N, C-alpha and C. Protein backbone atom coordinates (compact mmCIF):
# COMPACT_ATOMS: atom_id res chain seq x y z
N MET A 1 20.87 33.45 87.51
CA MET A 1 20.50 34.66 88.25
C MET A 1 19.05 34.55 88.70
N THR A 2 18.79 34.89 89.96
CA THR A 2 17.45 34.81 90.54
C THR A 2 17.03 36.18 91.04
N LEU A 3 15.80 36.21 91.57
CA LEU A 3 15.28 37.47 92.11
C LEU A 3 16.07 37.94 93.33
N ASN A 4 16.75 37.02 93.99
CA ASN A 4 17.55 37.42 95.16
C ASN A 4 18.69 38.36 94.78
N HIS A 5 19.11 38.29 93.53
CA HIS A 5 20.20 39.17 93.10
C HIS A 5 19.75 40.62 92.92
N TYR A 6 18.43 40.84 92.97
CA TYR A 6 17.91 42.20 92.91
C TYR A 6 17.77 42.82 94.29
N ARG A 7 18.23 42.13 95.31
CA ARG A 7 18.25 42.70 96.67
C ARG A 7 19.57 43.44 96.84
N PHE A 8 19.60 44.64 96.27
CA PHE A 8 20.85 45.39 96.18
C PHE A 8 21.33 45.94 97.52
N ASP A 9 20.49 45.88 98.54
CA ASP A 9 20.90 46.41 99.83
C ASP A 9 22.01 45.58 100.46
N TYR A 10 22.23 44.37 99.94
CA TYR A 10 23.23 43.49 100.50
C TYR A 10 24.53 43.50 99.70
N VAL A 11 24.66 44.42 98.77
CA VAL A 11 25.88 44.52 97.98
C VAL A 11 26.41 45.95 98.05
N ASP A 12 27.68 46.09 97.73
CA ASP A 12 28.29 47.41 97.71
C ASP A 12 28.09 48.06 96.34
N GLY A 13 28.17 49.39 96.32
CA GLY A 13 28.11 50.10 95.06
C GLY A 13 26.84 50.86 94.82
N GLY A 14 25.75 50.50 95.50
CA GLY A 14 24.49 51.20 95.30
C GLY A 14 23.32 50.23 95.36
N GLY A 15 22.16 50.72 95.72
CA GLY A 15 20.97 49.89 95.83
C GLY A 15 19.84 50.41 94.98
N TRP A 16 18.62 50.13 95.45
CA TRP A 16 17.45 50.60 94.73
C TRP A 16 17.38 52.12 94.67
N SER A 17 17.96 52.79 95.65
CA SER A 17 17.96 54.25 95.63
C SER A 17 18.70 54.78 94.40
N SER A 18 19.74 54.07 93.97
CA SER A 18 20.46 54.48 92.76
C SER A 18 19.57 54.38 91.53
N TYR A 19 18.77 53.33 91.48
CA TYR A 19 17.86 53.16 90.35
C TYR A 19 16.82 54.28 90.31
N PHE A 20 16.24 54.59 91.46
CA PHE A 20 15.23 55.65 91.50
C PHE A 20 15.85 57.03 91.27
N ASN A 21 17.11 57.19 91.67
CA ASN A 21 17.80 58.44 91.33
C ASN A 21 17.97 58.59 89.82
N SER A 22 18.24 57.48 89.14
CA SER A 22 18.36 57.53 87.68
C SER A 22 17.02 57.86 87.03
N ILE A 23 15.94 57.30 87.58
CA ILE A 23 14.61 57.63 87.07
C ILE A 23 14.33 59.12 87.25
N LYS A 24 14.68 59.62 88.42
CA LYS A 24 14.46 61.05 88.70
C LYS A 24 15.30 61.91 87.76
N LEU A 25 16.56 61.54 87.57
CA LEU A 25 17.43 62.29 86.66
C LEU A 25 16.88 62.26 85.24
N ALA A 26 16.42 61.10 84.80
CA ALA A 26 15.90 60.97 83.44
C ALA A 26 14.65 61.82 83.25
N LEU A 27 13.76 61.82 84.23
CA LEU A 27 12.53 62.61 84.11
C LEU A 27 12.83 64.10 84.09
N PHE A 28 13.67 64.56 85.01
CA PHE A 28 14.01 65.99 85.05
C PHE A 28 14.73 66.41 83.77
N SER A 29 15.69 65.61 83.33
CA SER A 29 16.43 65.95 82.12
C SER A 29 15.52 65.96 80.90
N THR A 30 14.57 65.03 80.87
CA THR A 30 13.66 64.96 79.73
C THR A 30 12.73 66.16 79.67
N VAL A 31 12.12 66.49 80.80
CA VAL A 31 11.14 67.58 80.82
C VAL A 31 11.81 68.93 80.59
N PHE A 32 12.79 69.25 81.43
CA PHE A 32 13.43 70.56 81.32
C PHE A 32 14.30 70.65 80.07
N GLY A 33 14.97 69.57 79.71
CA GLY A 33 15.81 69.59 78.52
C GLY A 33 15.01 69.81 77.25
N THR A 34 13.87 69.13 77.13
CA THR A 34 13.04 69.30 75.93
C THR A 34 12.52 70.73 75.82
N MET A 35 12.07 71.29 76.94
CA MET A 35 11.56 72.67 76.90
C MET A 35 12.65 73.65 76.51
N ILE A 36 13.82 73.53 77.13
CA ILE A 36 14.92 74.47 76.85
C ILE A 36 15.39 74.34 75.41
N ILE A 37 15.59 73.10 74.96
CA ILE A 37 16.10 72.88 73.61
C ILE A 37 15.09 73.35 72.57
N PHE A 38 13.80 73.10 72.80
CA PHE A 38 12.79 73.52 71.84
C PHE A 38 12.73 75.04 71.72
N ILE A 39 12.80 75.73 72.85
CA ILE A 39 12.75 77.19 72.82
C ILE A 39 13.96 77.76 72.10
N ILE A 40 15.15 77.24 72.40
CA ILE A 40 16.36 77.73 71.75
C ILE A 40 16.34 77.42 70.26
N ALA A 41 15.90 76.22 69.89
CA ALA A 41 15.82 75.86 68.47
C ALA A 41 14.82 76.75 67.74
N LEU A 42 13.71 77.08 68.39
CA LEU A 42 12.71 77.94 67.76
C LEU A 42 13.24 79.35 67.57
N PHE A 43 13.90 79.89 68.59
CA PHE A 43 14.44 81.24 68.49
C PHE A 43 15.56 81.31 67.45
N SER A 44 16.43 80.33 67.43
CA SER A 44 17.55 80.36 66.49
C SER A 44 17.12 80.12 65.05
N THR A 45 15.95 79.53 64.85
CA THR A 45 15.48 79.22 63.50
C THR A 45 14.55 80.27 62.95
N ARG A 46 13.63 80.77 63.79
CA ARG A 46 12.56 81.62 63.29
C ARG A 46 12.79 83.12 63.49
N PHE A 47 13.53 83.49 64.52
CA PHE A 47 13.69 84.91 64.82
C PHE A 47 14.94 85.46 64.15
N LYS A 48 14.82 86.68 63.64
CA LYS A 48 15.92 87.31 62.94
C LYS A 48 17.01 87.73 63.92
N ALA A 49 18.24 87.51 63.50
CA ALA A 49 19.39 87.89 64.32
C ALA A 49 20.57 88.13 63.39
N HIS A 50 21.62 88.73 63.93
CA HIS A 50 22.82 89.00 63.15
C HIS A 50 23.46 87.67 62.72
N PRO A 51 23.96 87.58 61.49
CA PRO A 51 24.57 86.32 61.04
C PRO A 51 25.69 85.83 61.94
N LEU A 52 26.49 86.75 62.48
CA LEU A 52 27.57 86.33 63.38
C LEU A 52 27.01 85.68 64.63
N LEU A 53 25.91 86.22 65.16
CA LEU A 53 25.29 85.63 66.34
C LEU A 53 24.75 84.24 66.03
N LYS A 54 24.14 84.08 64.86
CA LYS A 54 23.62 82.76 64.48
C LYS A 54 24.75 81.75 64.31
N ASN A 55 25.86 82.18 63.72
CA ASN A 55 27.00 81.28 63.57
C ASN A 55 27.59 80.90 64.93
N TYR A 56 27.60 81.85 65.85
CA TYR A 56 28.09 81.58 67.20
C TYR A 56 27.21 80.55 67.89
N VAL A 57 25.89 80.67 67.73
CA VAL A 57 24.96 79.70 68.31
C VAL A 57 25.17 78.32 67.71
N LYS A 58 25.41 78.25 66.40
CA LYS A 58 25.65 76.97 65.75
C LYS A 58 26.89 76.28 66.30
N VAL A 59 27.93 77.07 66.56
CA VAL A 59 29.15 76.50 67.12
C VAL A 59 28.89 75.96 68.52
N LEU A 60 28.16 76.72 69.33
CA LEU A 60 27.84 76.26 70.68
C LEU A 60 26.97 75.01 70.66
N VAL A 61 26.08 74.93 69.68
CA VAL A 61 25.21 73.75 69.58
C VAL A 61 26.01 72.49 69.28
N LEU A 62 27.00 72.60 68.40
CA LEU A 62 27.79 71.44 68.01
C LEU A 62 28.90 71.11 69.00
N LEU A 63 29.22 72.03 69.89
CA LEU A 63 30.34 71.83 70.81
C LEU A 63 30.16 70.62 71.73
N PRO A 64 28.98 70.41 72.36
CA PRO A 64 28.85 69.24 73.25
C PRO A 64 29.08 67.91 72.54
N LEU A 65 28.80 67.86 71.24
CA LEU A 65 29.00 66.62 70.49
C LEU A 65 30.49 66.33 70.28
N ALA A 66 31.30 67.38 70.30
CA ALA A 66 32.73 67.22 70.05
C ALA A 66 33.54 67.02 71.32
N VAL A 67 32.97 67.39 72.47
CA VAL A 67 33.70 67.29 73.74
C VAL A 67 33.32 65.98 74.43
N PRO A 68 34.28 65.14 74.80
CA PRO A 68 33.96 63.89 75.50
C PRO A 68 33.32 64.16 76.86
N GLY A 69 32.50 63.22 77.30
CA GLY A 69 31.83 63.37 78.59
C GLY A 69 32.79 63.45 79.75
N LEU A 70 33.91 62.72 79.67
CA LEU A 70 34.91 62.77 80.74
C LEU A 70 35.48 64.17 80.89
N VAL A 71 35.70 64.83 79.77
CA VAL A 71 36.22 66.20 79.81
C VAL A 71 35.19 67.14 80.43
N LEU A 72 33.92 66.95 80.07
CA LEU A 72 32.86 67.77 80.66
C LEU A 72 32.79 67.55 82.17
N GLY A 73 32.89 66.30 82.60
CA GLY A 73 32.82 66.01 84.03
C GLY A 73 33.95 66.68 84.80
N ILE A 74 35.17 66.60 84.28
CA ILE A 74 36.31 67.24 84.93
C ILE A 74 36.14 68.76 84.94
N ALA A 75 35.61 69.31 83.84
CA ALA A 75 35.39 70.76 83.79
C ALA A 75 34.37 71.19 84.83
N TYR A 76 33.32 70.39 85.03
CA TYR A 76 32.33 70.73 86.05
C TYR A 76 32.95 70.68 87.44
N ILE A 77 33.83 69.72 87.69
CA ILE A 77 34.50 69.64 88.99
C ILE A 77 35.32 70.90 89.24
N LEU A 78 36.12 71.29 88.27
CA LEU A 78 36.98 72.46 88.44
C LEU A 78 36.18 73.74 88.62
N PHE A 79 35.02 73.82 87.97
CA PHE A 79 34.23 75.05 88.04
C PHE A 79 33.35 75.09 89.29
N PHE A 80 32.57 74.06 89.51
CA PHE A 80 31.59 74.10 90.60
C PHE A 80 32.18 73.75 91.96
N ASN A 81 33.35 73.11 91.99
CA ASN A 81 33.95 72.73 93.26
C ASN A 81 34.90 73.79 93.79
N ALA A 82 35.07 74.89 93.07
CA ALA A 82 35.95 75.97 93.54
C ALA A 82 35.30 76.68 94.72
N PRO A 83 36.02 76.87 95.83
CA PRO A 83 35.43 77.51 97.02
C PRO A 83 34.94 78.93 96.77
N GLN A 84 35.61 79.67 95.89
CA GLN A 84 35.22 81.05 95.64
C GLN A 84 34.05 81.16 94.68
N ASN A 85 33.60 80.06 94.13
CA ASN A 85 32.46 80.09 93.20
C ASN A 85 31.17 80.26 93.99
N PRO A 86 30.35 81.28 93.68
CA PRO A 86 29.11 81.49 94.45
C PRO A 86 28.07 80.40 94.25
N VAL A 87 28.20 79.60 93.20
CA VAL A 87 27.24 78.52 92.96
C VAL A 87 27.87 77.16 93.23
N SER A 88 28.88 77.13 94.09
CA SER A 88 29.54 75.85 94.40
C SER A 88 28.62 74.90 95.16
N PHE A 89 27.55 75.44 95.75
CA PHE A 89 26.61 74.57 96.49
C PHE A 89 25.89 73.60 95.56
N VAL A 90 25.94 73.84 94.26
CA VAL A 90 25.27 72.96 93.30
C VAL A 90 26.02 71.64 93.14
N TYR A 91 27.31 71.65 93.45
CA TYR A 91 28.12 70.45 93.26
C TYR A 91 27.61 69.30 94.14
N GLY A 92 27.45 68.14 93.53
CA GLY A 92 27.00 66.97 94.26
C GLY A 92 25.49 66.84 94.37
N THR A 93 24.75 67.73 93.74
CA THR A 93 23.29 67.69 93.81
C THR A 93 22.71 67.15 92.50
N MET A 94 21.42 66.83 92.55
CA MET A 94 20.73 66.37 91.35
C MET A 94 20.65 67.46 90.29
N THR A 95 20.63 68.72 90.74
CA THR A 95 20.56 69.84 89.80
C THR A 95 21.74 69.84 88.85
N LEU A 96 22.94 69.64 89.37
CA LEU A 96 24.13 69.63 88.53
C LEU A 96 24.12 68.43 87.58
N LEU A 97 23.63 67.29 88.05
CA LEU A 97 23.53 66.12 87.17
C LEU A 97 22.57 66.38 86.02
N VAL A 98 21.46 67.05 86.31
CA VAL A 98 20.50 67.38 85.26
C VAL A 98 21.12 68.35 84.25
N ILE A 99 21.80 69.37 84.75
CA ILE A 99 22.45 70.35 83.86
C ILE A 99 23.49 69.68 82.97
N SER A 100 24.32 68.84 83.57
CA SER A 100 25.37 68.18 82.79
C SER A 100 24.79 67.23 81.75
N THR A 101 23.70 66.55 82.10
CA THR A 101 23.07 65.62 81.15
C THR A 101 22.47 66.36 79.97
N ILE A 102 21.78 67.46 80.25
CA ILE A 102 21.17 68.24 79.17
C ILE A 102 22.24 68.79 78.23
N ILE A 103 23.31 69.34 78.81
CA ILE A 103 24.38 69.91 77.98
C ILE A 103 25.11 68.81 77.19
N HIS A 104 25.35 67.69 77.85
CA HIS A 104 26.09 66.61 77.20
C HIS A 104 25.36 66.07 75.97
N TYR A 105 24.04 65.96 76.06
CA TYR A 105 23.25 65.38 74.97
C TYR A 105 22.42 66.44 74.25
N TYR A 106 22.89 67.66 74.24
CA TYR A 106 22.12 68.77 73.68
C TYR A 106 22.07 68.76 72.16
N THR A 107 23.15 68.39 71.51
CA THR A 107 23.30 68.62 70.07
C THR A 107 22.25 67.89 69.24
N VAL A 108 22.10 66.60 69.45
CA VAL A 108 21.18 65.81 68.62
C VAL A 108 19.73 66.29 68.75
N PRO A 109 19.19 66.52 69.96
CA PRO A 109 17.83 67.05 70.05
C PRO A 109 17.67 68.41 69.38
N HIS A 110 18.67 69.28 69.51
CA HIS A 110 18.58 70.60 68.88
C HIS A 110 18.51 70.47 67.36
N LEU A 111 19.35 69.66 66.79
CA LEU A 111 19.33 69.48 65.34
C LEU A 111 18.03 68.84 64.88
N THR A 112 17.50 67.91 65.67
CA THR A 112 16.23 67.26 65.33
C THR A 112 15.09 68.26 65.31
N LEU A 113 15.00 69.08 66.36
CA LEU A 113 13.92 70.06 66.43
C LEU A 113 14.12 71.18 65.42
N THR A 114 15.35 71.57 65.17
CA THR A 114 15.61 72.60 64.16
C THR A 114 15.14 72.14 62.78
N HIS A 115 15.43 70.89 62.45
CA HIS A 115 14.98 70.35 61.16
C HIS A 115 13.45 70.31 61.09
N ALA A 116 12.80 69.94 62.19
CA ALA A 116 11.33 69.90 62.19
C ALA A 116 10.73 71.29 62.05
N ILE A 117 11.34 72.28 62.71
CA ILE A 117 10.83 73.66 62.62
C ILE A 117 11.04 74.23 61.23
N GLN A 118 12.18 73.91 60.61
CA GLN A 118 12.46 74.43 59.27
C GLN A 118 11.50 73.89 58.22
N GLN A 119 10.86 72.78 58.50
CA GLN A 119 9.88 72.22 57.56
C GLN A 119 8.56 72.97 57.59
N ILE A 120 8.34 73.82 58.60
CA ILE A 120 7.12 74.61 58.68
C ILE A 120 7.28 75.84 57.78
N PRO A 121 6.39 76.06 56.83
CA PRO A 121 6.53 77.21 55.91
C PRO A 121 6.50 78.54 56.65
N ASN A 122 7.33 79.47 56.20
CA ASN A 122 7.34 80.81 56.79
C ASN A 122 6.05 81.56 56.52
N GLN A 123 5.32 81.14 55.50
CA GLN A 123 4.06 81.82 55.18
C GLN A 123 3.05 81.69 56.31
N LEU A 124 3.16 80.63 57.11
CA LEU A 124 2.25 80.50 58.24
C LEU A 124 2.47 81.60 59.26
N ASP A 125 3.73 82.00 59.46
CA ASP A 125 4.03 83.12 60.37
C ASP A 125 3.43 84.41 59.84
N HIS A 126 3.60 84.65 58.55
CA HIS A 126 3.06 85.88 57.96
C HIS A 126 1.54 85.89 58.02
N ALA A 127 0.91 84.74 57.78
CA ALA A 127 -0.55 84.67 57.85
C ALA A 127 -1.05 84.91 59.26
N ALA A 128 -0.34 84.36 60.25
CA ALA A 128 -0.74 84.57 61.64
C ALA A 128 -0.60 86.04 62.04
N GLN A 129 0.46 86.69 61.58
CA GLN A 129 0.64 88.11 61.90
C GLN A 129 -0.43 88.96 61.24
N SER A 130 -0.80 88.63 60.01
CA SER A 130 -1.84 89.41 59.32
C SER A 130 -3.20 89.23 59.96
N LEU A 131 -3.42 88.08 60.60
CA LEU A 131 -4.69 87.83 61.29
C LEU A 131 -4.69 88.33 62.72
N GLY A 132 -3.55 88.87 63.16
CA GLY A 132 -3.47 89.42 64.51
C GLY A 132 -3.26 88.39 65.59
N SER A 133 -2.79 87.20 65.25
CA SER A 133 -2.55 86.16 66.25
C SER A 133 -1.26 86.47 67.00
N SER A 134 -1.25 86.15 68.27
CA SER A 134 -0.08 86.38 69.11
C SER A 134 0.95 85.27 68.88
N HIS A 135 2.17 85.51 69.37
CA HIS A 135 3.22 84.50 69.26
C HIS A 135 2.84 83.25 70.05
N TRP A 136 2.20 83.43 71.19
CA TRP A 136 1.80 82.28 72.00
C TRP A 136 0.78 81.42 71.26
N THR A 137 -0.18 82.06 70.58
CA THR A 137 -1.17 81.31 69.80
C THR A 137 -0.50 80.56 68.67
N MET A 138 0.45 81.21 68.01
CA MET A 138 1.20 80.56 66.93
C MET A 138 2.00 79.38 67.47
N PHE A 139 2.59 79.56 68.62
CA PHE A 139 3.38 78.50 69.24
C PHE A 139 2.51 77.30 69.61
N ARG A 140 1.35 77.60 70.19
CA ARG A 140 0.48 76.54 70.71
C ARG A 140 -0.29 75.81 69.61
N LYS A 141 -0.73 76.53 68.58
CA LYS A 141 -1.60 75.93 67.58
C LYS A 141 -0.89 75.53 66.29
N VAL A 142 0.34 75.98 66.11
CA VAL A 142 1.06 75.66 64.88
C VAL A 142 2.33 74.86 65.16
N TYR A 143 3.23 75.45 65.94
CA TYR A 143 4.54 74.83 66.12
C TYR A 143 4.47 73.54 66.93
N LEU A 144 3.73 73.54 68.02
CA LEU A 144 3.65 72.33 68.83
C LEU A 144 3.03 71.16 68.06
N PRO A 145 1.88 71.34 67.41
CA PRO A 145 1.32 70.19 66.66
C PRO A 145 2.21 69.71 65.52
N LEU A 146 2.82 70.64 64.79
CA LEU A 146 3.61 70.24 63.62
C LEU A 146 4.94 69.59 64.00
N THR A 147 5.46 69.93 65.15
CA THR A 147 6.73 69.35 65.60
C THR A 147 6.53 68.25 66.63
N PHE A 148 5.30 67.81 66.82
CA PHE A 148 5.00 66.83 67.86
C PHE A 148 5.78 65.53 67.69
N PRO A 149 5.87 64.93 66.49
CA PRO A 149 6.66 63.70 66.37
C PRO A 149 8.13 63.89 66.75
N ALA A 150 8.71 65.01 66.35
CA ALA A 150 10.11 65.28 66.71
C ALA A 150 10.26 65.48 68.21
N LEU A 151 9.30 66.14 68.84
CA LEU A 151 9.34 66.32 70.29
C LEU A 151 9.31 64.98 71.01
N CYS A 152 8.48 64.07 70.55
CA CYS A 152 8.42 62.74 71.17
C CYS A 152 9.74 62.00 71.02
N ASP A 153 10.38 62.12 69.86
CA ASP A 153 11.68 61.49 69.66
C ASP A 153 12.73 62.08 70.60
N VAL A 154 12.68 63.38 70.79
CA VAL A 154 13.63 64.04 71.69
C VAL A 154 13.41 63.60 73.13
N LEU A 155 12.15 63.46 73.54
CA LEU A 155 11.84 63.00 74.89
C LEU A 155 12.47 61.63 75.16
N VAL A 156 12.30 60.71 74.23
CA VAL A 156 12.85 59.37 74.42
C VAL A 156 14.37 59.40 74.38
N TYR A 157 14.93 60.19 73.49
CA TYR A 157 16.39 60.28 73.38
C TYR A 157 17.01 60.76 74.69
N LEU A 158 16.45 61.81 75.26
CA LEU A 158 17.00 62.34 76.51
C LEU A 158 16.79 61.36 77.66
N PHE A 159 15.63 60.71 77.72
CA PHE A 159 15.35 59.80 78.83
C PHE A 159 16.31 58.61 78.81
N VAL A 160 16.46 57.98 77.65
CA VAL A 160 17.30 56.79 77.56
C VAL A 160 18.76 57.13 77.83
N ASN A 161 19.23 58.24 77.29
CA ASN A 161 20.63 58.63 77.53
C ASN A 161 20.87 59.03 78.97
N ALA A 162 19.88 59.65 79.61
CA ALA A 162 20.02 59.99 81.02
C ALA A 162 20.06 58.74 81.89
N MET A 163 19.34 57.70 81.49
CA MET A 163 19.36 56.45 82.25
C MET A 163 20.71 55.74 82.13
N THR A 164 21.39 55.90 81.02
CA THR A 164 22.61 55.14 80.78
C THR A 164 23.88 55.97 80.88
N THR A 165 23.77 57.26 81.17
CA THR A 165 24.95 58.12 81.19
C THR A 165 25.92 57.73 82.30
N VAL A 166 27.20 57.77 81.98
CA VAL A 166 28.24 57.43 82.95
C VAL A 166 29.36 58.45 82.93
N SER A 167 29.78 58.85 81.73
CA SER A 167 31.04 59.57 81.54
C SER A 167 31.17 60.81 82.41
N ALA A 168 30.19 61.71 82.34
CA ALA A 168 30.28 62.93 83.15
C ALA A 168 29.73 62.70 84.55
N ALA A 169 28.70 61.86 84.67
CA ALA A 169 28.04 61.67 85.97
C ALA A 169 28.96 61.02 86.99
N ILE A 170 29.92 60.23 86.54
CA ILE A 170 30.78 59.52 87.48
C ILE A 170 31.65 60.47 88.29
N PHE A 171 31.85 61.70 87.80
CA PHE A 171 32.61 62.70 88.53
C PHE A 171 31.74 63.60 89.40
N LEU A 172 30.43 63.56 89.20
CA LEU A 172 29.56 64.57 89.79
C LEU A 172 28.59 64.02 90.83
N TYR A 173 28.45 62.72 90.94
CA TYR A 173 27.47 62.19 91.88
C TYR A 173 28.00 62.22 93.30
N SER A 174 27.07 62.19 94.24
CA SER A 174 27.39 62.14 95.67
C SER A 174 26.71 60.90 96.25
N PRO A 175 26.95 60.57 97.52
CA PRO A 175 26.25 59.41 98.11
C PRO A 175 24.74 59.51 98.03
N ASP A 176 24.21 60.73 98.02
CA ASP A 176 22.75 60.91 97.95
C ASP A 176 22.23 60.90 96.52
N THR A 177 23.10 61.07 95.54
CA THR A 177 22.66 61.14 94.14
C THR A 177 23.34 60.07 93.29
N ASN A 178 23.67 58.95 93.90
CA ASN A 178 24.28 57.86 93.14
C ASN A 178 23.30 57.35 92.08
N LEU A 179 23.80 57.03 90.91
CA LEU A 179 22.96 56.62 89.78
C LEU A 179 23.12 55.14 89.49
N ALA A 180 22.14 54.58 88.80
CA ALA A 180 22.16 53.15 88.49
C ALA A 180 23.33 52.80 87.59
N SER A 181 23.60 53.64 86.60
CA SER A 181 24.71 53.36 85.68
C SER A 181 26.06 53.39 86.41
N VAL A 182 26.19 54.30 87.36
CA VAL A 182 27.42 54.35 88.16
C VAL A 182 27.47 53.18 89.13
N ALA A 183 26.30 52.80 89.66
CA ALA A 183 26.24 51.66 90.58
C ALA A 183 26.68 50.37 89.90
N VAL A 184 26.40 50.24 88.61
CA VAL A 184 26.85 49.05 87.88
C VAL A 184 28.37 48.95 87.91
N LEU A 185 29.05 50.05 87.68
CA LEU A 185 30.52 50.06 87.72
C LEU A 185 31.03 49.76 89.12
N ASN A 186 30.40 50.38 90.13
CA ASN A 186 30.84 50.16 91.51
C ASN A 186 30.62 48.72 91.96
N MET A 187 29.48 48.14 91.57
CA MET A 187 29.22 46.73 91.92
C MET A 187 30.23 45.80 91.26
N ASP A 188 30.54 46.08 90.01
CA ASP A 188 31.51 45.24 89.30
C ASP A 188 32.90 45.37 89.92
N ASP A 189 33.28 46.59 90.31
CA ASP A 189 34.57 46.79 90.96
C ASP A 189 34.64 46.09 92.31
N ALA A 190 33.48 46.00 93.00
CA ALA A 190 33.43 45.34 94.31
C ALA A 190 33.34 43.82 94.20
N GLY A 191 33.25 43.30 92.98
CA GLY A 191 33.16 41.86 92.80
C GLY A 191 31.76 41.31 92.73
N ASP A 192 30.75 42.19 92.83
CA ASP A 192 29.35 41.75 92.77
C ASP A 192 28.88 41.80 91.31
N THR A 193 29.44 40.90 90.51
CA THR A 193 29.17 40.94 89.07
C THR A 193 27.71 40.64 88.75
N VAL A 194 27.13 39.67 89.45
CA VAL A 194 25.74 39.30 89.17
C VAL A 194 24.80 40.44 89.53
N ALA A 195 25.07 41.12 90.64
CA ALA A 195 24.24 42.27 91.01
C ALA A 195 24.38 43.39 89.97
N ALA A 196 25.58 43.56 89.43
CA ALA A 196 25.78 44.56 88.38
C ALA A 196 24.98 44.20 87.14
N VAL A 197 24.94 42.92 86.81
CA VAL A 197 24.12 42.48 85.67
C VAL A 197 22.65 42.73 85.94
N ALA A 198 22.21 42.47 87.17
CA ALA A 198 20.80 42.71 87.52
C ALA A 198 20.44 44.18 87.38
N MET A 199 21.31 45.07 87.84
CA MET A 199 21.06 46.50 87.70
C MET A 199 21.05 46.91 86.22
N SER A 200 21.93 46.31 85.44
CA SER A 200 21.96 46.60 84.01
C SER A 200 20.66 46.17 83.34
N ILE A 201 20.12 45.05 83.77
CA ILE A 201 18.85 44.58 83.21
C ILE A 201 17.73 45.55 83.56
N LEU A 202 17.74 46.09 84.78
CA LEU A 202 16.74 47.09 85.16
C LEU A 202 16.81 48.32 84.26
N ILE A 203 18.02 48.78 83.99
CA ILE A 203 18.19 49.94 83.11
C ILE A 203 17.68 49.61 81.71
N LEU A 204 18.01 48.42 81.22
CA LEU A 204 17.58 48.01 79.88
C LEU A 204 16.06 47.90 79.80
N LEU A 205 15.44 47.26 80.79
CA LEU A 205 13.99 47.09 80.77
C LEU A 205 13.27 48.43 80.87
N THR A 206 13.81 49.34 81.68
CA THR A 206 13.20 50.67 81.80
C THR A 206 13.26 51.42 80.47
N SER A 207 14.41 51.37 79.82
CA SER A 207 14.56 52.05 78.53
C SER A 207 13.65 51.42 77.48
N CYS A 208 13.55 50.10 77.48
CA CYS A 208 12.67 49.42 76.52
C CYS A 208 11.20 49.76 76.78
N ALA A 209 10.82 49.85 78.07
CA ALA A 209 9.44 50.20 78.40
C ALA A 209 9.10 51.60 77.93
N VAL A 210 10.02 52.54 78.13
CA VAL A 210 9.79 53.91 77.68
C VAL A 210 9.69 53.97 76.16
N LYS A 211 10.55 53.23 75.48
CA LYS A 211 10.50 53.20 74.01
C LYS A 211 9.20 52.57 73.52
N LEU A 212 8.71 51.55 74.22
CA LEU A 212 7.44 50.92 73.83
C LEU A 212 6.28 51.88 74.01
N VAL A 213 6.26 52.59 75.14
CA VAL A 213 5.21 53.58 75.37
C VAL A 213 5.27 54.67 74.30
N HIS A 214 6.48 55.10 73.97
CA HIS A 214 6.66 56.12 72.93
C HIS A 214 6.12 55.63 71.59
N TRP A 215 6.40 54.38 71.24
CA TRP A 215 5.94 53.83 69.96
C TRP A 215 4.41 53.73 69.92
N LEU A 216 3.81 53.23 71.00
CA LEU A 216 2.35 53.10 71.04
C LEU A 216 1.68 54.47 71.01
N PHE A 217 2.22 55.41 71.78
CA PHE A 217 1.61 56.74 71.86
C PHE A 217 1.72 57.48 70.54
N THR A 218 2.91 57.48 69.95
CA THR A 218 3.09 58.21 68.69
C THR A 218 2.32 57.54 67.55
N ARG A 219 2.21 56.23 67.59
CA ARG A 219 1.44 55.54 66.56
C ARG A 219 -0.03 55.94 66.62
N LYS A 220 -0.56 56.03 67.84
CA LYS A 220 -1.96 56.43 68.00
C LYS A 220 -2.15 57.88 67.59
N MET A 221 -1.22 58.74 68.01
CA MET A 221 -1.35 60.16 67.70
C MET A 221 -1.16 60.42 66.21
N MET A 222 -0.26 59.69 65.57
CA MET A 222 -0.04 59.89 64.14
C MET A 222 -1.26 59.50 63.32
N THR A 223 -1.96 58.46 63.76
CA THR A 223 -3.15 58.02 63.02
C THR A 223 -4.35 58.92 63.26
N SER A 224 -4.38 59.60 64.42
CA SER A 224 -5.55 60.41 64.76
C SER A 224 -5.38 61.89 64.45
N THR A 225 -4.17 62.42 64.64
CA THR A 225 -3.97 63.86 64.47
C THR A 225 -2.98 64.23 63.38
N GLN A 226 -2.17 63.28 62.91
CA GLN A 226 -1.14 63.59 61.91
C GLN A 226 -1.44 62.92 60.57
N ARG A 227 -2.71 62.60 60.32
CA ARG A 227 -3.08 61.92 59.08
C ARG A 227 -2.83 62.78 57.85
N TRP A 228 -2.79 64.10 58.05
CA TRP A 228 -2.59 65.01 56.93
C TRP A 228 -1.20 64.89 56.32
N ARG A 229 -0.26 64.27 57.05
CA ARG A 229 1.10 64.14 56.53
C ARG A 229 1.19 63.12 55.39
N GLU A 230 0.22 62.21 55.31
CA GLU A 230 0.29 61.14 54.31
C GLU A 230 0.00 61.68 52.91
C-alpha cells in the first residue's frame, strides 16, 4: 500500500470529505454529549427527587446499552422520515447523526460521571450553602475540578466511538454527511479493498492521536492539580 491509495477521490464509497465529516461528528458528539451527560448525571445524583422518578431515569440510562445500534437506526428512520413529523427536516443531517451517537453511547459516560460525582462528599454541598455560595460557584469550583479525570475519559470515549460508529449511522447518513466508517464498508463493497484499508488506518491513527493527547494532558494535569488524590 502506498500514498496513492489515500487519493480517495478516484474510488467509490466516499473520499476525504467522509473523513472530515467523521471528525466533525466526533467533535460535536464529544462537546455536546459531555455537557448533556454531565448535567443529567449531576442532577440525577445530587438533587432530590421522587424515588420513582429516579428509578425511571436509571432505566432510561441503561436502555441504550441494551438496544442494538441497528435497531436504533431503524427507529430513527421510522420516526424522523415520517412526512407528518414536524422535525422530519432533521433526517439526513449532521444534527441527527450527533443525536444518535450521543444516545447510542450514553450509558457508559453517564455511569462514569455518576460514580465520580458520588465520590464527592455531600458535606461540601452543605458547607457551600452555609457560606452562601451559589450553585454555579459550587459547580465551577468543586464539581468540575473533582470530576476532571472522569470528564477527560468521557471525552475520549465519545470521540473514539463517534469515529468508529457504523450500526446506527449507516441508516442515517446522506451524500453530504457520509462518514469514514461507512465509507470503509462502501469501498469494500465496491471492490476497493486497499482504499478501505487506507481509510481504516486514518480512523485508527486519529483515534490513537486523540488517546495520546488525552494521556499527555491528563498526566500533566494530574501531577499539577490532582496531587491531593495521592
